[in-house]
Every structure is written in structure tokens, then in C-alpha cells.
PDB file of N, CA and C in Angstrom:
ATOM      1  N   UNK A   1     145.628 -50.194-129.263  1.00  0.00           N
ATOM      2  CA  UNK A   1     146.752 -50.785-129.960  1.00  0.00           C
ATOM      3  C   UNK A   1     148.083 -50.222-129.452  1.00  0.00           C
ATOM      4  N   UNK A   2     148.112 -48.909-129.311  1.00  0.00           N
ATOM      5  CA  UNK A   2     149.337 -48.278-128.842  1.00  0.00           C
ATOM      6  C   UNK A   2     149.621 -48.689-127.400  1.00  0.00           C
ATOM      7  N   UNK A   3     148.566 -48.794-126.584  1.00  0.00           N
ATOM      8  CA  UNK A   3     148.744 -49.165-125.188  1.00  0.00           C
ATOM      9  C   UNK A   3     149.318 -50.574-125.069  1.00  0.00           C
ATOM     10  N   UNK A   4     148.872 -51.486-125.918  1.00  0.00           N
ATOM     11  CA  UNK A   4     149.386 -52.857-125.877  1.00  0.00           C
ATOM     12  C   UNK A   4     150.868 -52.893-126.250  1.00  0.00           C
ATOM     13  N   UNK A   5     151.253 -52.092-127.223  1.00  0.00           N
ATOM     14  CA  UNK A   5     152.667 -52.023-127.607  1.00  0.00           C
ATOM     15  C   UNK A   5     153.499 -51.448-126.461  1.00  0.00           C
ATOM     16  N   UNK A   6     152.967 -50.449-125.786  1.00  0.00           N
ATOM     17  CA  UNK A   6     153.677 -49.852-124.657  1.00  0.00           C
ATOM     18  C   UNK A   6     153.828 -50.855-123.526  1.00  0.00           C
ATOM     19  N   UNK A   7     152.782 -51.631-123.256  1.00  0.00           N
ATOM     20  CA  UNK A   7     152.855 -52.642-122.206  1.00  0.00           C
ATOM     21  C   UNK A   7     153.870 -53.721-122.552  1.00  0.00           C
ATOM     22  N   UNK A   8     153.930 -54.097-123.825  1.00  0.00           N
ATOM     23  CA  UNK A   8     154.899 -55.109-124.251  1.00  0.00           C
ATOM     24  C   UNK A   8     156.332 -54.601-124.045  1.00  0.00           C
ATOM     25  N   UNK A   9     156.581 -53.370-124.440  1.00  0.00           N
ATOM     26  CA  UNK A   9     157.906 -52.771-124.255  1.00  0.00           C
ATOM     27  C   UNK A   9     158.226 -52.646-122.767  1.00  0.00           C
ATOM     28  N   UNK A  10     157.240 -52.240-121.973  1.00  0.00           N
ATOM     29  CA  UNK A  10     157.440 -52.102-120.530  1.00  0.00           C
ATOM     30  C   UNK A  10     157.796 -53.447-119.903  1.00  0.00           C
ATOM     31  N   UNK A  11     157.113 -54.523-120.293  1.00  0.00           N
ATOM     32  CA  UNK A  11     157.403 -55.850-119.747  1.00  0.00           C
ATOM     33  C   UNK A  11     158.809 -56.308-120.135  1.00  0.00           C
ATOM     34  N   UNK A  12     159.227 -56.016-121.353  1.00  0.00           N
ATOM     35  CA  UNK A  12     160.588 -56.347-121.778  1.00  0.00           C
ATOM     36  C   UNK A  12     161.609 -55.615-120.912  1.00  0.00           C
ATOM     37  N   UNK A  13     161.340 -54.367-120.598  1.00  0.00           N
ATOM     38  CA  UNK A  13     162.258 -53.591-119.753  1.00  0.00           C
ATOM     39  C   UNK A  13     162.306 -54.131-118.331  1.00  0.00           C
ATOM     40  N   UNK A  14     161.152 -54.530-117.804  1.00  0.00           N
ATOM     41  CA  UNK A  14     161.107 -55.105-116.461  1.00  0.00           C
ATOM     42  C   UNK A  14     161.937 -56.391-116.427  1.00  0.00           C
ATOM     43  N   UNK A  15     161.742 -57.255-117.416  1.00  0.00           N
ATOM     44  CA  UNK A  15     162.506 -58.506-117.477  1.00  0.00           C
ATOM     45  C   UNK A  15     164.001 -58.225-117.601  1.00  0.00           C
ATOM     46  N   UNK A  16     164.359 -57.222-118.425  1.00  0.00           N
ATOM     47  CA  UNK A  16     165.770 -56.868-118.593  1.00  0.00           C
ATOM     48  C   UNK A  16     166.359 -56.361-117.277  1.00  0.00           C
ATOM     49  N   UNK A  17     165.613 -55.549-116.549  1.00  0.00           N
ATOM     50  CA  UNK A  17     166.098 -55.025-115.267  1.00  0.00           C
ATOM     51  C   UNK A  17     166.314 -56.151-114.260  1.00  0.00           C
ATOM     52  N   UNK A  18     165.447 -57.142-114.234  1.00  0.00           N
ATOM     53  CA  UNK A  18     165.640 -58.264-113.315  1.00  0.00           C
ATOM     54  C   UNK A  18     166.849 -59.111-113.711  1.00  0.00           C
ATOM     55  N   UNK A  19     167.072 -59.285-115.011  1.00  0.00           N
ATOM     56  CA  UNK A  19     168.285 -60.015-115.439  1.00  0.00           C
ATOM     57  C   UNK A  19     169.535 -59.256-115.009  1.00  0.00           C
ATOM     58  N   UNK A  20     169.517 -57.931-115.167  1.00  0.00           N
ATOM     59  CA  UNK A  20     170.659 -57.112-114.755  1.00  0.00           C
ATOM     60  C   UNK A  20     170.858 -57.177-113.248  1.00  0.00           C
ATOM     61  N   UNK A  21     169.773 -57.204-112.484  1.00  0.00           N
ATOM     62  CA  UNK A  21     169.870 -57.290-111.026  1.00  0.00           C
ATOM     63  C   UNK A  21     170.530 -58.601-110.615  1.00  0.00           C
ATOM     64  N   UNK A  22     170.172 -59.703-111.286  1.00  0.00           N
ATOM     65  CA  UNK A  22     170.800 -60.994-110.980  1.00  0.00           C
ATOM     66  C   UNK A  22     172.293 -60.972-111.272  1.00  0.00           C
ATOM     67  N   UNK A  23     172.671 -60.372-112.392  1.00  0.00           N
ATOM     68  CA  UNK A  23     174.081 -60.343-112.785  1.00  0.00           C
ATOM     69  C   UNK A  23     174.923 -59.467-111.864  1.00  0.00           C
ATOM     70  N   UNK A  24     174.393 -58.328-111.446  1.00  0.00           N
ATOM     71  CA  UNK A  24     175.190 -57.352-110.699  1.00  0.00           C
ATOM     72  C   UNK A  24     175.162 -57.600-109.194  1.00  0.00           C
ATOM     73  N   UNK A  25     174.290 -58.481-108.713  1.00  0.00           N
ATOM     74  CA  UNK A  25     174.099 -58.640-107.276  1.00  0.00           C
ATOM     75  C   UNK A  25     175.397 -58.962-106.536  1.00  0.00           C
ATOM     76  N   UNK A  26     176.252 -59.813-107.086  1.00  0.00           N
ATOM     77  CA  UNK A  26     177.494 -60.192-106.423  1.00  0.00           C
ATOM     78  C   UNK A  26     178.439 -59.012-106.225  1.00  0.00           C
ATOM     79  N   UNK A  27     178.431 -58.079-107.160  1.00  0.00           N
ATOM     80  CA  UNK A  27     179.315 -56.926-107.083  1.00  0.00           C
ATOM     81  C   UNK A  27     178.699 -55.781-106.280  1.00  0.00           C
ATOM     82  N   UNK A  28     177.393 -55.534-106.494  1.00  0.00           N
ATOM     83  CA  UNK A  28     176.749 -54.385-105.865  1.00  0.00           C
ATOM     84  C   UNK A  28     175.283 -54.695-105.546  1.00  0.00           C
ATOM     85  N   UNK A  29     175.005 -55.199-104.340  1.00  0.00           N
ATOM     86  CA  UNK A  29     173.612 -55.486-103.974  1.00  0.00           C
ATOM     87  C   UNK A  29     172.720 -54.241-103.975  1.00  0.00           C
ATOM     88  N   UNK A  30     173.288 -53.076-103.662  1.00  0.00           N
ATOM     89  CA  UNK A  30     172.489 -51.845-103.666  1.00  0.00           C
ATOM     90  C   UNK A  30     172.019 -51.501-105.074  1.00  0.00           C
ATOM     91  N   UNK A  31     172.868 -51.735-106.065  1.00  0.00           N
ATOM     92  CA  UNK A  31     172.490 -51.468-107.451  1.00  0.00           C
ATOM     93  C   UNK A  31     171.420 -52.461-107.906  1.00  0.00           C
ATOM     94  N   UNK A  32     171.508 -53.700-107.453  1.00  0.00           N
ATOM     95  CA  UNK A  32     170.474 -54.683-107.778  1.00  0.00           C
ATOM     96  C   UNK A  32     169.130 -54.245-107.202  1.00  0.00           C
ATOM     97  N   UNK A  33     169.139 -53.724-105.975  1.00  0.00           N
ATOM     98  CA  UNK A  33     167.902 -53.206-105.376  1.00  0.00           C
ATOM     99  C   UNK A  33     167.359 -52.017-106.173  1.00  0.00           C
ATOM    100  N   UNK A  34     168.254 -51.187-106.660  1.00  0.00           N
ATOM    101  CA  UNK A  34     167.837 -50.033-107.473  1.00  0.00           C
ATOM    102  C   UNK A  34     167.151 -50.502-108.752  1.00  0.00           C
ATOM    103  N   UNK A  35     167.712 -51.534-109.398  1.00  0.00           N
ATOM    104  CA  UNK A  35     167.100 -52.077-110.613  1.00  0.00           C
ATOM    105  C   UNK A  35     165.701 -52.617-110.324  1.00  0.00           C
ATOM    106  N   UNK A  36     165.544 -53.272-109.176  1.00  0.00           N
ATOM    107  CA  UNK A  36     164.232 -53.815-108.810  1.00  0.00           C
ATOM    108  C   UNK A  36     163.243 -52.672-108.572  1.00  0.00           C
ATOM    109  N   UNK A  37     163.680 -51.597-107.918  1.00  0.00           N
ATOM    110  CA  UNK A  37     162.797 -50.458-107.698  1.00  0.00           C
ATOM    111  C   UNK A  37     162.373 -49.821-109.024  1.00  0.00           C
ATOM    112  N   UNK A  38     163.318 -49.717-109.967  1.00  0.00           N
ATOM    113  CA  UNK A  38     162.975 -49.179-111.286  1.00  0.00           C
ATOM    114  C   UNK A  38     161.962 -50.075-111.992  1.00  0.00           C
ATOM    115  N   UNK A  39     162.167 -51.382-111.914  1.00  0.00           N
ATOM    116  CA  UNK A  39     161.235 -52.325-112.530  1.00  0.00           C
ATOM    117  C   UNK A  39     159.855 -52.204-111.883  1.00  0.00           C
ATOM    118  N   UNK A  40     159.816 -52.029-110.559  1.00  0.00           N
ATOM    119  CA  UNK A  40     158.537 -51.885-109.856  1.00  0.00           C
ATOM    120  C   UNK A  40     157.818 -50.615-110.309  1.00  0.00           C
ATOM    121  N   UNK A  41     158.567 -49.535-110.490  1.00  0.00           N
ATOM    122  CA  UNK A  41     157.958 -48.287-110.955  1.00  0.00           C
ATOM    123  C   UNK A  41     157.363 -48.451-112.353  1.00  0.00           C
ATOM    124  N   UNK A  42     158.078 -49.139-113.230  1.00  0.00           N
ATOM    125  CA  UNK A  42     157.564 -49.390-114.582  1.00  0.00           C
ATOM    126  C   UNK A  42     156.315 -50.254-114.511  1.00  0.00           C
ATOM    127  N   UNK A  43     156.365 -51.287-113.661  1.00  0.00           N
ATOM    128  CA  UNK A  43     155.236 -52.200-113.510  1.00  0.00           C
ATOM    129  C   UNK A  43     153.986 -51.457-113.051  1.00  0.00           C
ATOM    130  N   UNK A  44     154.135 -50.564-112.076  1.00  0.00           N
ATOM    131  CA  UNK A  44     152.971 -49.844-111.563  1.00  0.00           C
ATOM    132  C   UNK A  44     152.482 -48.784-112.551  1.00  0.00           C
ATOM    133  N   UNK A  45     153.392 -48.166-113.269  1.00  0.00           N
ATOM    134  CA  UNK A  45     153.000 -47.136-114.232  1.00  0.00           C
ATOM    135  C   UNK A  45     152.151 -47.709-115.359  1.00  0.00           C
ATOM    136  N   UNK A  46     152.506 -48.915-115.832  1.00  0.00           N
ATOM    137  CA  UNK A  46     151.800 -49.526-116.961  1.00  0.00           C
ATOM    138  C   UNK A  46     150.832 -50.627-116.539  1.00  0.00           C
ATOM    139  N   UNK A  47     150.607 -50.788-115.233  1.00  0.00           N
ATOM    140  CA  UNK A  47     149.654 -51.759-114.703  1.00  0.00           C
ATOM    141  C   UNK A  47     149.917 -53.166-115.256  1.00  0.00           C
ATOM    142  N   UNK A  48     151.154 -53.620-115.102  1.00  0.00           N
ATOM    143  CA  UNK A  48     151.557 -54.929-115.613  1.00  0.00           C
ATOM    144  C   UNK A  48     151.356 -56.016-114.568  1.00  0.00           C
ATOM    145  N   UNK A  49     151.088 -57.218-115.033  1.00  0.00           N
ATOM    146  CA  UNK A  49     151.035 -58.386-114.162  1.00  0.00           C
ATOM    147  C   UNK A  49     152.344 -59.136-114.346  1.00  0.00           C
ATOM    148  N   UNK A  50     153.091 -59.276-113.265  1.00  0.00           N
ATOM    149  CA  UNK A  50     154.389 -59.944-113.336  1.00  0.00           C
ATOM    150  C   UNK A  50     154.211 -61.456-113.327  1.00  0.00           C
ATOM    151  N   UNK A  51     155.031 -62.172-114.112  1.00  0.00           N
ATOM    152  CA  UNK A  51     154.993 -63.630-114.057  1.00  0.00           C
ATOM    153  C   UNK A  51     155.489 -64.132-112.701  1.00  0.00           C
ATOM    154  N   UNK A  52     155.097 -65.343-112.349  1.00  0.00           N
ATOM    155  CA  UNK A  52     155.418 -65.913-111.037  1.00  0.00           C
ATOM    156  C   UNK A  52     156.925 -65.951-110.774  1.00  0.00           C
ATOM    157  N   UNK A  53     157.730 -66.296-111.789  1.00  0.00           N
ATOM    158  CA  UNK A  53     159.169 -66.398-111.558  1.00  0.00           C
ATOM    159  C   UNK A  53     159.788 -65.048-111.223  1.00  0.00           C
ATOM    160  N   UNK A  54     159.195 -63.958-111.689  1.00  0.00           N
ATOM    161  CA  UNK A  54     159.696 -62.631-111.327  1.00  0.00           C
ATOM    162  C   UNK A  54     159.169 -62.222-109.960  1.00  0.00           C
ATOM    163  N   UNK A  55     157.918 -62.543-109.645  1.00  0.00           N
ATOM    164  CA  UNK A  55     157.335 -62.181-108.349  1.00  0.00           C
ATOM    165  C   UNK A  55     158.135 -62.757-107.182  1.00  0.00           C
ATOM    166  N   UNK A  56     158.739 -63.919-107.402  1.00  0.00           N
ATOM    167  CA  UNK A  56     159.465 -64.584-106.322  1.00  0.00           C
ATOM    168  C   UNK A  56     160.912 -64.122-106.206  1.00  0.00           C
ATOM    169  N   UNK A  57     161.307 -63.096-106.951  1.00  0.00           N
ATOM    170  CA  UNK A  57     162.688 -62.617-106.926  1.00  0.00           C
ATOM    171  C   UNK A  57     162.876 -61.346-106.100  1.00  0.00           C
ATOM    172  N   UNK A  58     161.778 -60.807-105.540  1.00  0.00           N
ATOM    173  CA  UNK A  58     161.931 -59.573-104.776  1.00  0.00           C
ATOM    174  C   UNK A  58     160.882 -59.488-103.680  1.00  0.00           C
ATOM    175  N   UNK A  59     161.189 -58.663-102.681  1.00  0.00           N
ATOM    176  CA  UNK A  59     160.278 -58.426-101.559  1.00  0.00           C
ATOM    177  C   UNK A  59     159.334 -57.296-101.931  1.00  0.00           C
ATOM    178  N   UNK A  60     158.045 -57.530-101.795  1.00  0.00           N
ATOM    179  CA  UNK A  60     157.068 -56.501-102.145  1.00  0.00           C
ATOM    180  C   UNK A  60     156.912 -55.462-101.033  1.00  0.00           C
ATOM    181  N   UNK A  61     157.435 -55.728 -99.856  1.00  0.00           N
ATOM    182  CA  UNK A  61     157.331 -54.754 -98.765  1.00  0.00           C
ATOM    183  C   UNK A  61     158.439 -53.701 -98.863  1.00  0.00           C
ATOM    184  N   UNK A  62     159.682 -54.151 -98.994  1.00  0.00           N
ATOM    185  CA  UNK A  62     160.798 -53.199 -99.040  1.00  0.00           C
ATOM    186  C   UNK A  62     161.383 -53.043-100.443  1.00  0.00           C
ATOM    187  N   UNK A  63     160.805 -53.717-101.432  1.00  0.00           N
ATOM    188  CA  UNK A  63     161.224 -53.650-102.835  1.00  0.00           C
ATOM    189  C   UNK A  63     162.734 -53.890-102.970  1.00  0.00           C
ATOM    190  N   UNK A  64     163.200 -55.017-102.428  1.00  0.00           N
ATOM    191  CA  UNK A  64     164.614 -55.366-102.552  1.00  0.00           C
ATOM    192  C   UNK A  64     164.740 -56.724-103.236  1.00  0.00           C
ATOM    193  N   UNK A  65     165.849 -56.897-103.928  1.00  0.00           N
ATOM    194  CA  UNK A  65     166.116 -58.132-104.669  1.00  0.00           C
ATOM    195  C   UNK A  65     166.407 -59.264-103.695  1.00  0.00           C
ATOM    196  N   UNK A  66     165.816 -60.431-103.947  1.00  0.00           N
ATOM    197  CA  UNK A  66     166.041 -61.596-103.091  1.00  0.00           C
ATOM    198  C   UNK A  66     167.054 -62.525-103.724  1.00  0.00           C
ATOM    199  N   UNK A  67     168.092 -62.843-102.958  1.00  0.00           N
ATOM    200  CA  UNK A  67     169.040 -63.894-103.326  1.00  0.00           C
ATOM    201  C   UNK A  67     169.032 -64.862-102.149  1.00  0.00           C
ATOM    202  N   UNK A  68     168.535 -66.096-102.349  1.00  0.00           N
ATOM    203  CA  UNK A  68     168.464 -67.049-101.235  1.00  0.00           C
ATOM    204  C   UNK A  68     169.819 -67.213-100.555  1.00  0.00           C
ATOM    205  N   UNK A  69     169.822 -67.075 -99.249  1.00  0.00           N
ATOM    206  CA  UNK A  69     171.038 -67.196 -98.458  1.00  0.00           C
ATOM    207  C   UNK A  69     171.711 -65.867 -98.185  1.00  0.00           C
ATOM    208  N   UNK A  70     171.495 -64.880 -99.048  1.00  0.00           N
ATOM    209  CA  UNK A  70     172.122 -63.575 -98.859  1.00  0.00           C
ATOM    210  C   UNK A  70     171.112 -62.536 -98.362  1.00  0.00           C
ATOM    211  N   UNK A  71     169.998 -62.401 -99.056  1.00  0.00           N
ATOM    212  CA  UNK A  71     168.997 -61.418 -98.652  1.00  0.00           C
ATOM    213  C   UNK A  71     167.651 -62.061 -98.318  1.00  0.00           C
ATOM    214  N   UNK A  72     167.561 -63.376 -98.472  1.00  0.00           N
ATOM    215  CA  UNK A  72     166.321 -64.059 -98.094  1.00  0.00           C
ATOM    216  C   UNK A  72     166.646 -65.450 -97.568  1.00  0.00           C
ATOM    217  N   UNK A  73     165.729 -65.950 -96.754  1.00  0.00           N
ATOM    218  CA  UNK A  73     165.875 -67.295 -96.197  1.00  0.00           C
ATOM    219  C   UNK A  73     164.707 -68.121 -96.728  1.00  0.00           C
ATOM    220  N   UNK A  74     165.015 -69.293 -97.271  1.00  0.00           N
ATOM    221  CA  UNK A  74     163.990 -70.174 -97.818  1.00  0.00           C
ATOM    222  C   UNK A  74     163.957 -71.439 -96.982  1.00  0.00           C
ATOM    223  N   UNK A  75     162.766 -71.767 -96.498  1.00  0.00           N
ATOM    224  CA  UNK A  75     162.576 -72.970 -95.690  1.00  0.00           C
ATOM    225  C   UNK A  75     161.411 -73.759 -96.259  1.00  0.00           C
ATOM    226  N   UNK A  76     161.558 -75.071 -96.263  1.00  0.00           N
ATOM    227  CA  UNK A  76     160.508 -75.951 -96.758  1.00  0.00           C
ATOM    228  C   UNK A  76     159.924 -76.707 -95.584  1.00  0.00           C
ATOM    229  N   UNK A  77     158.634 -76.553 -95.392  1.00  0.00           N
ATOM    230  CA  UNK A  77     157.893 -77.271 -94.368  1.00  0.00           C
ATOM    231  C   UNK A  77     156.917 -78.201 -95.076  1.00  0.00           C
ATOM    232  N   UNK A  78     156.359 -79.142 -94.366  1.00  0.00           N
ATOM    233  CA  UNK A  78     155.351 -79.990 -95.009  1.00  0.00           C
ATOM    234  C   UNK A  78     154.176 -79.150 -95.497  1.00  0.00           C
ATOM    235  N   UNK A  79     153.951 -79.172 -96.775  1.00  0.00           N
ATOM    236  CA  UNK A  79     152.820 -78.455 -97.351  1.00  0.00           C
ATOM    237  C   UNK A  79     153.067 -77.011 -97.738  1.00  0.00           C
ATOM    238  N   UNK A  80     154.236 -76.440 -97.417  1.00  0.00           N
ATOM    239  CA  UNK A  80     154.489 -75.050 -97.782  1.00  0.00           C
ATOM    240  C   UNK A  80     155.979 -74.737 -97.864  1.00  0.00           C
ATOM    241  N   UNK A  81     156.265 -73.668 -98.599  1.00  0.00           N
ATOM    242  CA  UNK A  81     157.605 -73.100 -98.680  1.00  0.00           C
ATOM    243  C   UNK A  81     157.509 -71.704 -98.082  1.00  0.00           C
ATOM    244  N   UNK A  82     158.432 -71.371 -97.177  1.00  0.00           N
ATOM    245  CA  UNK A  82     158.422 -70.071 -96.519  1.00  0.00           C
ATOM    246  C   UNK A  82     159.662 -69.297 -96.946  1.00  0.00           C
ATOM    247  N   UNK A  83     159.451 -68.083 -97.457  1.00  0.00           N
ATOM    248  CA  UNK A  83     160.549 -67.192 -97.846  1.00  0.00           C
ATOM    249  C   UNK A  83     160.496 -65.986 -96.919  1.00  0.00           C
ATOM    250  N   UNK A  84     161.622 -65.715 -96.229  1.00  0.00           N
ATOM    251  CA  UNK A  84     161.698 -64.592 -95.303  1.00  0.00           C
ATOM    252  C   UNK A  84     162.707 -63.581 -95.829  1.00  0.00           C
ATOM    253  N   UNK A  85     162.299 -62.323 -95.926  1.00  0.00           N
ATOM    254  CA  UNK A  85     163.201 -61.245 -96.327  1.00  0.00           C
ATOM    255  C   UNK A  85     164.098 -60.923 -95.140  1.00  0.00           C
ATOM    256  N   UNK A  86     165.395 -60.915 -95.339  1.00  0.00           N
ATOM    257  CA  UNK A  86     166.326 -60.635 -94.253  1.00  0.00           C
ATOM    258  C   UNK A  86     166.532 -59.133 -94.043  1.00  0.00           C
ATOM    259  N   UNK A  87     165.967 -58.302 -94.913  1.00  0.00           N
ATOM    260  CA  UNK A  87     166.087 -56.856 -94.734  1.00  0.00           C
ATOM    261  C   UNK A  87     164.942 -56.292 -93.904  1.00  0.00           C
ATOM    262  N   UNK A  88     163.710 -56.715 -94.214  1.00  0.00           N
ATOM    263  CA  UNK A  88     162.554 -56.128 -93.510  1.00  0.00           C
ATOM    264  C   UNK A  88     161.792 -57.150 -92.672  1.00  0.00           C
ATOM    265  N   UNK A  89     162.046 -58.428 -92.861  1.00  0.00           N
ATOM    266  CA  UNK A  89     161.387 -59.450 -92.061  1.00  0.00           C
ATOM    267  C   UNK A  89     160.079 -59.977 -92.624  1.00  0.00           C
ATOM    268  N   UNK A  90     159.674 -59.524 -93.794  1.00  0.00           N
ATOM    269  CA  UNK A  90     158.426 -59.999 -94.395  1.00  0.00           C
ATOM    270  C   UNK A  90     158.510 -61.494 -94.652  1.00  0.00           C
ATOM    271  N   UNK A  91     157.412 -62.197 -94.386  1.00  0.00           N
ATOM    272  CA  UNK A  91     157.359 -63.642 -94.585  1.00  0.00           C
ATOM    273  C   UNK A  91     156.351 -63.938 -95.683  1.00  0.00           C
ATOM    274  N   UNK A  92     156.779 -64.692 -96.677  1.00  0.00           N
ATOM    275  CA  UNK A  92     155.923 -65.125 -97.770  1.00  0.00           C
ATOM    276  C   UNK A  92     155.770 -66.629 -97.670  1.00  0.00           C
ATOM    277  N   UNK A  93     154.532 -67.085 -97.548  1.00  0.00           N
ATOM    278  CA  UNK A  93     154.259 -68.520 -97.451  1.00  0.00           C
ATOM    279  C   UNK A  93     153.563 -68.975 -98.719  1.00  0.00           C
ATOM    280  N   UNK A  94     154.159 -69.958 -99.366  1.00  0.00           N
ATOM    281  CA  UNK A  94     153.612 -70.481-100.614  1.00  0.00           C
ATOM    282  C   UNK A  94     153.190 -71.927-100.423  1.00  0.00           C
ATOM    283  N   UNK A  95     152.038 -72.320-100.949  1.00  0.00           N
ATOM    284  CA  UNK A  95     151.636 -73.717-100.837  1.00  0.00           C
ATOM    285  C   UNK A  95     152.554 -74.603-101.667  1.00  0.00           C
ATOM    286  N   UNK A  96     152.837 -75.760-101.149  1.00  0.00           N
ATOM    287  CA  UNK A  96     153.691 -76.720-101.836  1.00  0.00           C
ATOM    288  C   UNK A  96     152.997 -78.076-101.774  1.00  0.00           C
ATOM    289  N   UNK A  97     152.393 -78.501-102.874  1.00  0.00           N
ATOM    290  CA  UNK A  97     151.634 -79.743-102.830  1.00  0.00           C
ATOM    291  C   UNK A  97     152.525 -80.952-102.599  1.00  0.00           C
ATOM    292  N   UNK A  98     151.961 -81.947-101.931  1.00  0.00           N
ATOM    293  CA  UNK A  98     152.704 -83.172-101.688  1.00  0.00           C
ATOM    294  C   UNK A  98     152.832 -83.929-103.003  1.00  0.00           C
ATOM    295  N   UNK A  99     153.932 -84.691-103.119  1.00  0.00           N
ATOM    296  CA  UNK A  99     154.132 -85.504-104.312  1.00  0.00           C
ATOM    297  C   UNK A  99     153.117 -86.640-104.329  1.00  0.00           C
ATOM    298  N   UNK A 100     152.593 -86.893-105.502  1.00  0.00           N
ATOM    299  CA  UNK A 100     151.665 -88.008-105.662  1.00  0.00           C
ATOM    300  C   UNK A 100     152.423 -89.122-106.360  1.00  0.00           C
ATOM    301  N   UNK A 101     152.446 -90.268-105.723  1.00  0.00           N
ATOM    302  CA  UNK A 101     153.164 -91.421-106.271  1.00  0.00           C
ATOM    303  C   UNK A 101     152.213 -92.230-107.132  1.00  0.00           C
ATOM    304  N   UNK A 102     152.380 -92.117-108.431  1.00  0.00           N
ATOM    305  CA  UNK A 102     151.529 -92.877-109.379  1.00  0.00           C
ATOM    306  C   UNK A 102     152.247 -94.151-109.773  1.00  0.00           C
ATOM    307  N   UNK A 103     151.906 -95.206-109.143  1.00  0.00           N
ATOM    308  CA  UNK A 103     152.534 -96.438-109.587  1.00  0.00           C
ATOM    309  C   UNK A 103     152.744 -97.410-108.562  1.00  0.00           C
TER     310      UNK A 103
END
């Protein structure tokens, strides 16, 4: 019971840190990266599973915040979306299903 409460609080803190990273990125990208590193440390300490929308906001290799156009490059190819970290060069390829035309 106590562990579940701790995990809930930890997840709230991780989400708060990512919101702060988004807000501060324009003024201080280094501070945004620091917030992401803190969130990663909390995530690993409490063995949390991050939601997909949070997973796509940072590089898992260099633990830096991704802002499309500034710290990451996003390209759409047929059948996939490719996100490239501009700091370390890591490439993330995500499947992108084709649209189905019903009608």
C-alpha cells in the first residue's frame, strides 16, 4: 500500500518536471535537460513506466529534452516517423500506420 502511494507521488513529480522542462526550455535549455535527468532518476528509483507522450519528449541515450526543430529532427516517411536527437545522434523509428479510407 505504501509503495503504491510512493509510486503515485513519484509519477506526479515526473509529470511536473516534464511540464517545467517544456516551460523553461526557451529560456534555459540546460535547465530543461536537468529537469529531465531528475525525472529519469525518479523513474528509475521507483521503477515507473512512463506514458507514451512522456517517452517521446526526451532522448533515452543522452537524457536530454527534445524540442522538435531545436534539439530533435522529426521526419515522416511512408509507414514510419523518425526522430533524431541532434545532441547525440540517436535515431528513434516509430511505426506509423497508413490511413484507412472507410467510405
